[in-house]
């Protein structure tokens, strides 16, 4: 199972596997998220993004260099970044009100971030 929403700048996702497993997820999954086909334009953009990733490995190298630099910077400033091992670095605030205040302040400075609060994360793990 995978998603296109972050690393490929698209929406949607996929599941691959044995027919029985795929059918089970399609028909029993709570959200029925796998029940709709993706638009051809989205599939084409994901395919093009995968081609770029494959043909230009220096972009992945730069991504990881930037990720490690940001991670060390956040930690040096005292932020809790959890245990993420991806280029998506959470900053865990643990208080929903403070999360929204931080997002508003960042937006006022020209930085858009998505808050993640309960129920998307367990209570006390807001980021």
Protein backbone atom coordinates (compact mmCIF):
# COMPACT_ATOMS: atom_id res chain seq x y z
CA UNK A 1 0.00 0.00 0.00
CA UNK A 2 1.29 3.44 -0.77
CA UNK A 3 0.29 7.06 -1.11
CA UNK A 4 0.91 9.65 -3.80
CA UNK A 5 0.11 12.64 -1.61
CA UNK A 6 3.46 13.62 -0.21
CA UNK A 7 6.43 12.30 -2.15
CA UNK A 8 4.73 12.56 -5.55
CA UNK A 9 2.78 15.81 -5.03
CA UNK A 10 -0.52 14.23 -6.00
CA UNK A 11 -3.55 12.68 -4.35
CA UNK A 12 -4.67 9.12 -3.96
CA UNK A 13 -2.76 5.94 -3.48
CA UNK A 14 -2.52 2.32 -4.40
CA UNK A 15 -2.58 -1.18 -3.08
CA UNK A 16 -0.86 -4.10 -4.76
CA UNK A 17 -0.96 -7.75 -3.88
CA UNK A 18 -2.81 -10.98 -4.34
CA UNK A 19 -6.26 -10.56 -5.88
CA UNK A 20 -8.00 -11.81 -2.73
CA UNK A 21 -6.23 -9.27 -0.55
CA UNK A 22 -6.85 -6.36 -2.92
CA UNK A 23 -10.53 -7.26 -3.21
CA UNK A 24 -10.84 -7.55 0.55
CA UNK A 25 -9.38 -4.07 1.10
CA UNK A 26 -11.52 -2.58 -1.69
CA UNK A 27 -14.75 -3.97 -0.30
CA UNK A 28 -14.22 -4.18 3.45
CA UNK A 29 -11.94 -1.21 4.23
CA UNK A 30 -13.78 1.26 6.48
CA UNK A 31 -13.31 4.30 4.29
CA UNK A 32 -13.70 2.49 0.96
CA UNK A 33 -10.80 4.66 -0.13
CA UNK A 34 -9.76 2.15 -2.78
CA UNK A 35 -13.17 1.98 -4.43
CA UNK A 36 -12.66 4.76 -7.02
CA UNK A 37 -10.36 4.84 -10.02
CA UNK A 38 -7.79 7.59 -10.29
CA UNK A 39 -8.20 10.13 -13.10
CA UNK A 40 -5.86 9.50 -16.08
CA UNK A 41 -4.23 12.93 -15.63
CA UNK A 42 -3.28 12.03 -12.05
CA UNK A 43 -1.83 8.69 -13.09
CA UNK A 44 0.19 10.45 -15.83
CA UNK A 45 1.58 12.99 -13.35
CA UNK A 46 2.55 10.26 -10.88
CA UNK A 47 4.22 8.31 -13.70
CA UNK A 48 6.16 11.42 -14.75
CA UNK A 49 7.22 12.07 -11.14
CA UNK A 50 8.47 8.48 -10.82
CA UNK A 51 10.46 8.92 -14.06
CA UNK A 52 12.10 12.06 -12.66
CA UNK A 53 12.92 10.32 -9.37
CA UNK A 54 14.51 7.43 -11.26
CA UNK A 55 16.40 9.56 -13.79
CA UNK A 56 17.69 12.21 -11.37
CA UNK A 57 19.03 10.52 -8.22
CA UNK A 58 20.74 13.77 -7.21
CA UNK A 59 17.30 15.13 -6.29
CA UNK A 60 16.84 12.36 -3.70
CA UNK A 61 20.35 13.00 -2.37
CA UNK A 62 19.57 16.72 -1.98
CA UNK A 63 16.23 15.88 -0.34
CA UNK A 64 17.95 13.72 2.30
CA UNK A 65 20.67 16.34 2.86
CA UNK A 66 18.00 18.99 3.43
CA UNK A 67 15.97 16.61 5.63
CA UNK A 68 18.91 15.91 7.93
CA UNK A 69 19.81 19.62 8.11
CA UNK A 70 16.23 20.55 9.07
CA UNK A 71 15.98 17.70 11.57
CA UNK A 72 19.17 18.75 13.33
CA UNK A 73 18.04 22.39 13.30
CA UNK A 74 14.68 21.60 14.87
CA UNK A 75 16.31 19.43 17.51
CA UNK A 76 18.88 22.16 18.26
CA UNK A 77 15.98 24.58 18.83
CA UNK A 78 14.47 22.10 21.31
CA UNK A 79 11.56 20.82 19.21
CA UNK A 80 10.28 17.28 19.64
CA UNK A 81 10.44 15.69 16.19
CA UNK A 82 9.38 12.22 17.26
CA UNK A 83 10.82 9.16 15.55
CA UNK A 84 10.13 9.94 11.90
CA UNK A 85 12.52 8.35 9.40
CA UNK A 86 11.13 10.19 6.39
CA UNK A 87 11.56 13.67 4.91
CA UNK A 88 8.23 14.55 6.53
CA UNK A 89 9.37 15.90 9.88
CA UNK A 90 6.71 16.31 12.55
CA UNK A 91 7.07 18.94 15.22
CA UNK A 92 5.14 17.54 18.16
CA UNK A 93 3.49 20.26 20.23
CA UNK A 94 1.07 18.08 22.31
CA UNK A 95 -1.49 20.89 22.74
CA UNK A 96 -4.12 21.51 20.05
CA UNK A 97 -4.47 25.22 20.84
CA UNK A 98 -0.72 25.75 20.58
CA UNK A 99 -0.65 23.77 17.33
CA UNK A 100 -3.21 26.09 15.75
CA UNK A 101 -1.46 29.19 17.13
CA UNK A 102 1.85 28.04 15.67
CA UNK A 103 0.22 27.35 12.29
CA UNK A 104 -1.35 30.83 12.31
CA UNK A 105 1.96 32.52 13.18
CA UNK A 106 3.77 30.59 10.47
CA UNK A 107 1.07 31.47 7.93
CA UNK A 108 1.44 35.16 8.84
CA UNK A 109 5.15 34.77 8.01
CA UNK A 110 4.37 33.17 4.65
CA UNK A 111 4.78 29.52 5.64
CA UNK A 112 1.84 27.16 5.15
CA UNK A 113 1.74 24.04 7.31
CA UNK A 114 -0.99 21.51 7.97
CA UNK A 115 -1.88 20.95 11.62
CA UNK A 116 -2.40 17.35 12.65
CA UNK A 117 -4.57 16.91 15.71
CA UNK A 118 -6.83 14.29 17.26
CA UNK A 119 -8.45 12.13 15.88
CA UNK A 120 -5.78 11.93 13.14
CA UNK A 121 -3.23 11.34 15.92
CA UNK A 122 -3.75 10.05 19.45
CA UNK A 123 -4.60 12.68 22.11
CA UNK A 124 -1.48 14.52 23.27
CA UNK A 125 0.48 13.81 20.09
CA UNK A 126 -0.64 16.85 18.08
CA UNK A 127 1.84 18.25 15.58
